[in-house]
Amino acid sequence: MRIQTSTRMRRVASLAVATLAIAVLPAAAIAAKPTKLSLSVPDGTYATSATAWVGDGTLSTASAESTGMKVKAECYQDGALVYRQYANVVGSTATLTLGPTPAWTGGAATCTAELGSFDKRVRWRAVASDSFSVTG
């Protein structure tokens, strides 16, 4: 009888330790996650360049460059897409050329920019975004 009780206690203790390890592991993994990258694009003027700034917390901005991150910018006039550009991140910036395009020959536009990359299936995956306006 004494052996069964001792074995049962060890099993309960082992189960408790395993449960604690499972509960603590995700919390430690979440706490260790680096801060997300951020993106900031100031308002611009048609037919000029704009600089998209990449910021971060614990990741170095060089990691955005070395992992092939890009800034995707799209601009719209009256709901129609008139501009799309993918610009490589170099250091902590990416340069966007705000027109002209065949569909955008002048005038103001509302724009969005996304920091991201293409996955293995060639789908765009954004990690940060910003909106900006272009006067024209």
N, C-alpha and C. Protein backbone atom coordinates (compact mmCIF):
# COMPACT_ATOMS: atom_id res chain seq x y z
N MET A 1 0.80 -1.20 0.00
CA MET A 1 0.00 0.00 0.00
C MET A 1 0.84 1.26 0.00
N ARG A 2 1.88 1.28 0.77
CA ARG A 2 2.73 2.46 0.87
C ARG A 2 3.40 2.78 -0.47
N ILE A 3 3.76 1.78 -1.23
CA ILE A 3 4.39 1.98 -2.54
C ILE A 3 3.40 2.63 -3.50
N GLN A 4 2.15 2.20 -3.51
CA GLN A 4 1.15 2.78 -4.40
C GLN A 4 0.92 4.25 -4.09
N THR A 5 0.84 4.63 -2.83
CA THR A 5 0.63 6.01 -2.43
C THR A 5 1.80 6.86 -2.87
N SER A 6 3.01 6.37 -2.69
CA SER A 6 4.21 7.11 -3.08
C SER A 6 4.25 7.30 -4.60
N THR A 7 3.90 6.27 -5.35
CA THR A 7 3.88 6.36 -6.80
C THR A 7 2.81 7.34 -7.26
N ARG A 8 1.65 7.29 -6.62
CA ARG A 8 0.57 8.20 -6.96
C ARG A 8 0.99 9.65 -6.68
N MET A 9 1.65 9.90 -5.57
CA MET A 9 2.09 11.26 -5.23
C MET A 9 3.11 11.77 -6.24
N ARG A 10 4.02 10.87 -6.66
CA ARG A 10 5.01 11.28 -7.67
C ARG A 10 4.33 11.64 -8.99
N ARG A 11 3.32 10.86 -9.36
CA ARG A 11 2.60 11.15 -10.61
C ARG A 11 1.88 12.50 -10.52
N VAL A 12 1.24 12.75 -9.38
CA VAL A 12 0.54 14.03 -9.20
C VAL A 12 1.54 15.17 -9.23
N ALA A 13 2.69 15.00 -8.56
CA ALA A 13 3.72 16.04 -8.55
C ALA A 13 4.27 16.26 -9.95
N SER A 14 4.51 15.19 -10.70
CA SER A 14 5.00 15.33 -12.08
C SER A 14 4.00 16.03 -12.97
N LEU A 15 2.74 15.70 -12.82
CA LEU A 15 1.68 16.35 -13.59
C LEU A 15 1.60 17.84 -13.25
N ALA A 16 1.73 18.17 -11.98
CA ALA A 16 1.69 19.58 -11.56
C ALA A 16 2.87 20.35 -12.15
N VAL A 17 4.06 19.77 -12.14
CA VAL A 17 5.24 20.43 -12.72
C VAL A 17 5.07 20.60 -14.22
N ALA A 18 4.56 19.59 -14.91
CA ALA A 18 4.36 19.69 -16.35
C ALA A 18 3.32 20.75 -16.68
N THR A 19 2.24 20.82 -15.91
CA THR A 19 1.21 21.84 -16.14
C THR A 19 1.78 23.23 -15.92
N LEU A 20 2.58 23.41 -14.88
CA LEU A 20 3.20 24.70 -14.60
C LEU A 20 4.14 25.09 -15.74
N ALA A 21 4.92 24.16 -16.23
CA ALA A 21 5.84 24.46 -17.34
C ALA A 21 5.08 24.87 -18.58
N ILE A 22 3.97 24.22 -18.87
CA ILE A 22 3.17 24.58 -20.05
C ILE A 22 2.56 25.96 -19.87
N ALA A 23 2.13 26.30 -18.66
CA ALA A 23 1.52 27.61 -18.41
C ALA A 23 2.55 28.73 -18.43
N VAL A 24 3.76 28.48 -17.95
CA VAL A 24 4.79 29.52 -17.87
C VAL A 24 5.47 29.73 -19.22
N LEU A 25 5.66 28.70 -20.01
CA LEU A 25 6.36 28.81 -21.29
C LEU A 25 5.75 29.83 -22.22
N PRO A 26 4.43 29.82 -22.49
CA PRO A 26 3.87 30.83 -23.38
C PRO A 26 4.03 32.25 -22.83
N ALA A 27 3.90 32.42 -21.52
CA ALA A 27 4.07 33.76 -20.94
C ALA A 27 5.48 34.25 -21.15
N ALA A 28 6.48 33.38 -21.00
CA ALA A 28 7.86 33.78 -21.23
C ALA A 28 8.10 34.10 -22.70
N ALA A 29 7.49 33.33 -23.59
CA ALA A 29 7.66 33.59 -25.02
C ALA A 29 7.04 34.92 -25.41
N ILE A 30 5.88 35.24 -24.84
CA ILE A 30 5.23 36.51 -25.14
C ILE A 30 6.06 37.66 -24.62
N ALA A 31 6.60 37.52 -23.41
CA ALA A 31 7.41 38.59 -22.82
C ALA A 31 8.69 38.83 -23.62
N ALA A 32 9.19 37.81 -24.29
CA ALA A 32 10.44 37.95 -25.04
C ALA A 32 10.25 38.48 -26.46
N LYS A 33 8.98 38.63 -26.91
CA LYS A 33 8.75 39.11 -28.27
C LYS A 33 9.28 40.52 -28.45
N PRO A 34 9.95 40.79 -29.56
CA PRO A 34 10.43 42.15 -29.80
C PRO A 34 9.27 43.08 -30.15
N THR A 35 9.48 44.35 -29.96
CA THR A 35 8.49 45.35 -30.31
C THR A 35 8.32 45.36 -31.82
N LYS A 36 7.09 45.60 -32.26
CA LYS A 36 6.82 45.64 -33.70
C LYS A 36 7.51 46.82 -34.36
N LEU A 37 7.80 46.65 -35.62
CA LEU A 37 8.32 47.75 -36.42
C LEU A 37 7.21 48.75 -36.67
N SER A 38 7.56 50.00 -36.85
CA SER A 38 6.57 51.01 -37.17
C SER A 38 6.96 51.71 -38.46
N LEU A 39 6.01 52.42 -39.04
CA LEU A 39 6.23 53.11 -40.31
C LEU A 39 5.62 54.49 -40.22
N SER A 40 6.34 55.49 -40.69
CA SER A 40 5.84 56.86 -40.70
C SER A 40 6.17 57.51 -42.03
N VAL A 41 5.14 58.01 -42.71
CA VAL A 41 5.32 58.70 -43.99
C VAL A 41 4.69 60.08 -43.86
N PRO A 42 5.46 61.14 -44.05
CA PRO A 42 4.88 62.48 -43.97
C PRO A 42 4.06 62.79 -45.23
N ASP A 43 3.15 63.76 -45.12
CA ASP A 43 2.42 64.21 -46.31
C ASP A 43 3.43 64.71 -47.34
N GLY A 44 3.08 64.60 -48.63
CA GLY A 44 4.01 64.98 -49.68
C GLY A 44 3.36 65.81 -50.77
N THR A 45 4.14 66.07 -51.79
CA THR A 45 3.70 66.85 -52.94
C THR A 45 3.87 66.00 -54.19
N TYR A 46 2.89 66.08 -55.11
CA TYR A 46 2.91 65.32 -56.35
C TYR A 46 4.22 65.57 -57.11
N ALA A 47 4.73 64.52 -57.74
CA ALA A 47 5.93 64.55 -58.58
C ALA A 47 7.20 64.89 -57.79
N THR A 48 7.21 64.55 -56.51
CA THR A 48 8.42 64.68 -55.70
C THR A 48 8.65 63.36 -54.99
N SER A 49 9.71 63.29 -54.22
CA SER A 49 10.00 62.09 -53.44
C SER A 49 9.55 62.30 -52.00
N ALA A 50 9.18 61.21 -51.35
CA ALA A 50 8.85 61.22 -49.94
C ALA A 50 9.67 60.12 -49.26
N THR A 51 10.06 60.35 -48.03
CA THR A 51 10.84 59.35 -47.30
C THR A 51 9.94 58.66 -46.29
N ALA A 52 9.90 57.34 -46.36
CA ALA A 52 9.18 56.53 -45.38
C ALA A 52 10.18 56.14 -44.31
N TRP A 53 9.86 56.42 -43.06
CA TRP A 53 10.76 56.13 -41.94
C TRP A 53 10.32 54.86 -41.25
N VAL A 54 11.26 53.94 -41.06
CA VAL A 54 11.01 52.68 -40.36
C VAL A 54 11.58 52.81 -38.96
N GLY A 55 10.76 52.56 -37.96
CA GLY A 55 11.20 52.63 -36.58
C GLY A 55 10.96 51.31 -35.90
N ASP A 56 11.60 51.15 -34.73
CA ASP A 56 11.45 49.90 -34.01
C ASP A 56 11.76 50.08 -32.54
N GLY A 57 11.53 49.02 -31.79
CA GLY A 57 11.86 49.02 -30.37
C GLY A 57 13.16 48.28 -30.14
N THR A 58 13.10 46.95 -30.15
CA THR A 58 14.29 46.18 -29.85
C THR A 58 14.96 45.63 -31.10
N LEU A 59 14.25 45.57 -32.21
CA LEU A 59 14.87 45.11 -33.46
C LEU A 59 15.70 46.25 -34.03
N SER A 60 16.82 45.93 -34.63
CA SER A 60 17.56 46.99 -35.30
C SER A 60 16.90 47.24 -36.65
N THR A 61 16.92 48.48 -37.09
CA THR A 61 16.30 48.78 -38.39
C THR A 61 17.04 48.07 -39.50
N ALA A 62 18.30 47.73 -39.27
CA ALA A 62 19.04 46.97 -40.27
C ALA A 62 18.39 45.61 -40.49
N SER A 63 17.69 45.09 -39.47
CA SER A 63 17.03 43.80 -39.65
C SER A 63 15.90 43.90 -40.67
N ALA A 64 15.24 45.04 -40.74
CA ALA A 64 14.20 45.23 -41.76
C ALA A 64 14.82 45.18 -43.14
N GLU A 65 15.99 45.78 -43.30
CA GLU A 65 16.68 45.77 -44.59
C GLU A 65 17.18 44.37 -44.91
N SER A 66 17.81 43.70 -43.94
CA SER A 66 18.42 42.41 -44.21
C SER A 66 17.39 41.30 -44.43
N THR A 67 16.17 41.48 -43.96
CA THR A 67 15.14 40.46 -44.17
C THR A 67 14.32 40.73 -45.43
N GLY A 68 14.72 41.72 -46.22
CA GLY A 68 14.05 41.98 -47.48
C GLY A 68 12.75 42.75 -47.35
N MET A 69 12.60 43.47 -46.26
CA MET A 69 11.37 44.24 -46.08
C MET A 69 11.31 45.37 -47.11
N LYS A 70 10.07 45.70 -47.47
CA LYS A 70 9.82 46.76 -48.44
C LYS A 70 8.71 47.65 -47.90
N VAL A 71 8.60 48.83 -48.48
CA VAL A 71 7.46 49.69 -48.22
C VAL A 71 6.60 49.68 -49.49
N LYS A 72 5.35 49.31 -49.32
CA LYS A 72 4.38 49.33 -50.42
C LYS A 72 3.51 50.57 -50.24
N ALA A 73 3.48 51.44 -51.23
CA ALA A 73 2.65 52.63 -51.16
C ALA A 73 1.61 52.58 -52.27
N GLU A 74 0.39 52.99 -51.94
CA GLU A 74 -0.70 53.08 -52.91
C GLU A 74 -1.41 54.41 -52.71
N CYS A 75 -1.74 55.07 -53.83
CA CYS A 75 -2.47 56.33 -53.78
C CYS A 75 -3.73 56.23 -54.63
N TYR A 76 -4.77 56.93 -54.17
CA TYR A 76 -6.07 56.90 -54.83
C TYR A 76 -6.57 58.31 -55.09
N GLN A 77 -7.25 58.46 -56.22
CA GLN A 77 -7.98 59.68 -56.55
C GLN A 77 -9.42 59.26 -56.85
N ASP A 78 -10.36 59.85 -56.15
CA ASP A 78 -11.78 59.52 -56.33
C ASP A 78 -12.02 58.01 -56.28
N GLY A 79 -11.32 57.31 -55.38
CA GLY A 79 -11.50 55.88 -55.20
C GLY A 79 -10.77 54.99 -56.18
N ALA A 80 -10.12 55.57 -57.18
CA ALA A 80 -9.39 54.78 -58.18
C ALA A 80 -7.90 54.73 -57.85
N LEU A 81 -7.32 53.54 -57.93
CA LEU A 81 -5.89 53.38 -57.71
C LEU A 81 -5.12 54.06 -58.83
N VAL A 82 -4.26 55.03 -58.47
CA VAL A 82 -3.49 55.73 -59.50
C VAL A 82 -1.98 55.53 -59.33
N TYR A 83 -1.58 54.90 -58.24
CA TYR A 83 -0.15 54.77 -57.96
C TYR A 83 0.08 53.58 -57.03
N ARG A 84 1.09 52.79 -57.35
CA ARG A 84 1.56 51.72 -56.46
C ARG A 84 3.06 51.59 -56.66
N GLN A 85 3.78 51.53 -55.56
CA GLN A 85 5.23 51.38 -55.61
C GLN A 85 5.69 50.50 -54.46
N TYR A 86 6.66 49.63 -54.75
CA TYR A 86 7.34 48.85 -53.73
C TYR A 86 8.77 49.41 -53.65
N ALA A 87 9.15 49.91 -52.49
CA ALA A 87 10.48 50.50 -52.33
C ALA A 87 11.25 49.70 -51.28
N ASN A 88 12.50 49.38 -51.59
CA ASN A 88 13.34 48.65 -50.66
C ASN A 88 13.67 49.52 -49.44
N VAL A 89 13.72 48.88 -48.28
CA VAL A 89 14.17 49.56 -47.06
C VAL A 89 15.68 49.53 -47.06
N VAL A 90 16.29 50.71 -46.93
CA VAL A 90 17.75 50.83 -46.86
C VAL A 90 18.04 51.55 -45.55
N GLY A 91 18.70 50.85 -44.63
CA GLY A 91 18.91 51.42 -43.30
C GLY A 91 17.57 51.53 -42.61
N SER A 92 17.13 52.75 -42.37
CA SER A 92 15.84 52.94 -41.70
C SER A 92 14.87 53.74 -42.57
N THR A 93 15.13 53.80 -43.88
CA THR A 93 14.24 54.57 -44.76
C THR A 93 13.96 53.84 -46.07
N ALA A 94 12.92 54.30 -46.73
CA ALA A 94 12.61 53.88 -48.10
C ALA A 94 12.14 55.12 -48.83
N THR A 95 12.58 55.30 -50.07
CA THR A 95 12.22 56.49 -50.83
C THR A 95 11.07 56.17 -51.78
N LEU A 96 10.01 56.97 -51.68
CA LEU A 96 8.84 56.82 -52.55
C LEU A 96 8.82 57.96 -53.56
N THR A 97 8.57 57.64 -54.82
CA THR A 97 8.44 58.65 -55.87
C THR A 97 6.96 58.86 -56.11
N LEU A 98 6.45 60.02 -55.76
CA LEU A 98 5.01 60.28 -55.77
C LEU A 98 4.53 60.79 -57.13
N GLY A 99 4.53 59.92 -58.11
CA GLY A 99 4.04 60.27 -59.44
C GLY A 99 5.14 60.87 -60.29
N PRO A 100 4.84 61.12 -61.54
CA PRO A 100 3.60 60.79 -62.23
C PRO A 100 3.56 59.32 -62.66
N THR A 101 2.35 58.87 -62.93
CA THR A 101 2.11 57.54 -63.52
C THR A 101 1.12 57.75 -64.67
N PRO A 102 0.93 56.74 -65.51
CA PRO A 102 -0.07 56.91 -66.58
C PRO A 102 -1.46 57.27 -66.05
N ALA A 103 -1.81 56.76 -64.86
CA ALA A 103 -3.13 57.04 -64.29
C ALA A 103 -3.14 58.28 -63.40
N TRP A 104 -1.97 58.78 -63.03
CA TRP A 104 -1.89 59.92 -62.12
C TRP A 104 -1.04 61.00 -62.78
N THR A 105 -1.71 61.89 -63.46
CA THR A 105 -1.01 62.95 -64.19
C THR A 105 -1.01 64.27 -63.43
N GLY A 106 -1.58 64.27 -62.23
CA GLY A 106 -1.57 65.46 -61.40
C GLY A 106 -2.71 65.43 -60.41
N GLY A 107 -2.67 66.36 -59.48
CA GLY A 107 -3.74 66.47 -58.50
C GLY A 107 -3.44 65.76 -57.20
N ALA A 108 -4.29 66.04 -56.23
CA ALA A 108 -4.14 65.47 -54.89
C ALA A 108 -4.55 64.01 -54.86
N ALA A 109 -4.03 63.27 -53.87
CA ALA A 109 -4.37 61.87 -53.69
C ALA A 109 -4.29 61.50 -52.22
N THR A 110 -5.07 60.50 -51.84
CA THR A 110 -4.96 59.94 -50.50
C THR A 110 -4.19 58.63 -50.62
N CYS A 111 -3.26 58.42 -49.69
CA CYS A 111 -2.34 57.30 -49.84
C CYS A 111 -2.19 56.50 -48.55
N THR A 112 -1.78 55.27 -48.72
CA THR A 112 -1.40 54.42 -47.60
C THR A 112 -0.06 53.79 -47.92
N ALA A 113 0.70 53.54 -46.88
CA ALA A 113 1.98 52.85 -47.03
C ALA A 113 2.00 51.70 -46.03
N GLU A 114 2.57 50.59 -46.44
CA GLU A 114 2.70 49.42 -45.58
C GLU A 114 4.14 48.95 -45.59
N LEU A 115 4.65 48.59 -44.44
CA LEU A 115 5.95 47.95 -44.31
C LEU A 115 5.70 46.46 -44.26
N GLY A 116 6.37 45.70 -45.09
CA GLY A 116 6.14 44.26 -45.10
C GLY A 116 7.06 43.53 -46.04
N SER A 117 6.66 42.32 -46.36
CA SER A 117 7.44 41.48 -47.26
C SER A 117 6.51 40.45 -47.89
N PHE A 118 7.03 39.75 -48.87
CA PHE A 118 6.28 38.69 -49.53
C PHE A 118 6.62 37.37 -48.87
N ASP A 119 5.60 36.53 -48.62
CA ASP A 119 5.85 35.23 -48.03
C ASP A 119 6.25 34.23 -49.13
N LYS A 120 6.40 32.98 -48.74
CA LYS A 120 6.83 31.95 -49.70
C LYS A 120 5.83 31.74 -50.82
N ARG A 121 4.57 32.08 -50.59
CA ARG A 121 3.54 31.95 -51.62
C ARG A 121 3.35 33.26 -52.39
N VAL A 122 4.28 34.17 -52.23
CA VAL A 122 4.29 35.46 -52.90
C VAL A 122 3.04 36.28 -52.55
N ARG A 123 2.63 36.20 -51.30
CA ARG A 123 1.54 37.03 -50.79
C ARG A 123 2.15 38.12 -49.91
N TRP A 124 1.64 39.32 -50.04
CA TRP A 124 2.14 40.45 -49.27
C TRP A 124 1.70 40.32 -47.81
N ARG A 125 2.64 40.49 -46.89
CA ARG A 125 2.37 40.43 -45.46
C ARG A 125 2.85 41.72 -44.81
N ALA A 126 1.92 42.58 -44.41
CA ALA A 126 2.27 43.86 -43.80
C ALA A 126 2.44 43.71 -42.30
N VAL A 127 3.42 44.44 -41.75
CA VAL A 127 3.64 44.45 -40.30
C VAL A 127 3.39 45.83 -39.70
N ALA A 128 3.29 46.85 -40.53
CA ALA A 128 3.02 48.21 -40.06
C ALA A 128 2.44 49.00 -41.22
N SER A 129 1.69 50.07 -40.89
CA SER A 129 1.12 50.89 -41.96
C SER A 129 0.97 52.33 -41.50
N ASP A 130 0.78 53.21 -42.47
CA ASP A 130 0.56 54.64 -42.20
C ASP A 130 -0.22 55.21 -43.37
N SER A 131 -1.00 56.24 -43.10
CA SER A 131 -1.73 56.96 -44.15
C SER A 131 -1.08 58.33 -44.33
N PHE A 132 -1.12 58.82 -45.57
CA PHE A 132 -0.57 60.14 -45.83
C PHE A 132 -1.30 60.74 -47.03
N SER A 133 -1.16 62.04 -47.18
CA SER A 133 -1.82 62.76 -48.28
C SER A 133 -0.77 63.35 -49.20
N VAL A 134 -1.14 63.47 -50.48
CA VAL A 134 -0.28 64.12 -51.46
C VAL A 134 -1.06 65.28 -52.05
N THR A 135 -0.46 66.45 -52.05
CA THR A 135 -1.09 67.61 -52.69
C THR A 135 -0.57 67.72 -54.10
N GLY A 136 -1.36 68.32 -54.95
CA GLY A 136 -0.86 68.34 -56.29
C GLY A 136 -1.28 69.47 -57.11
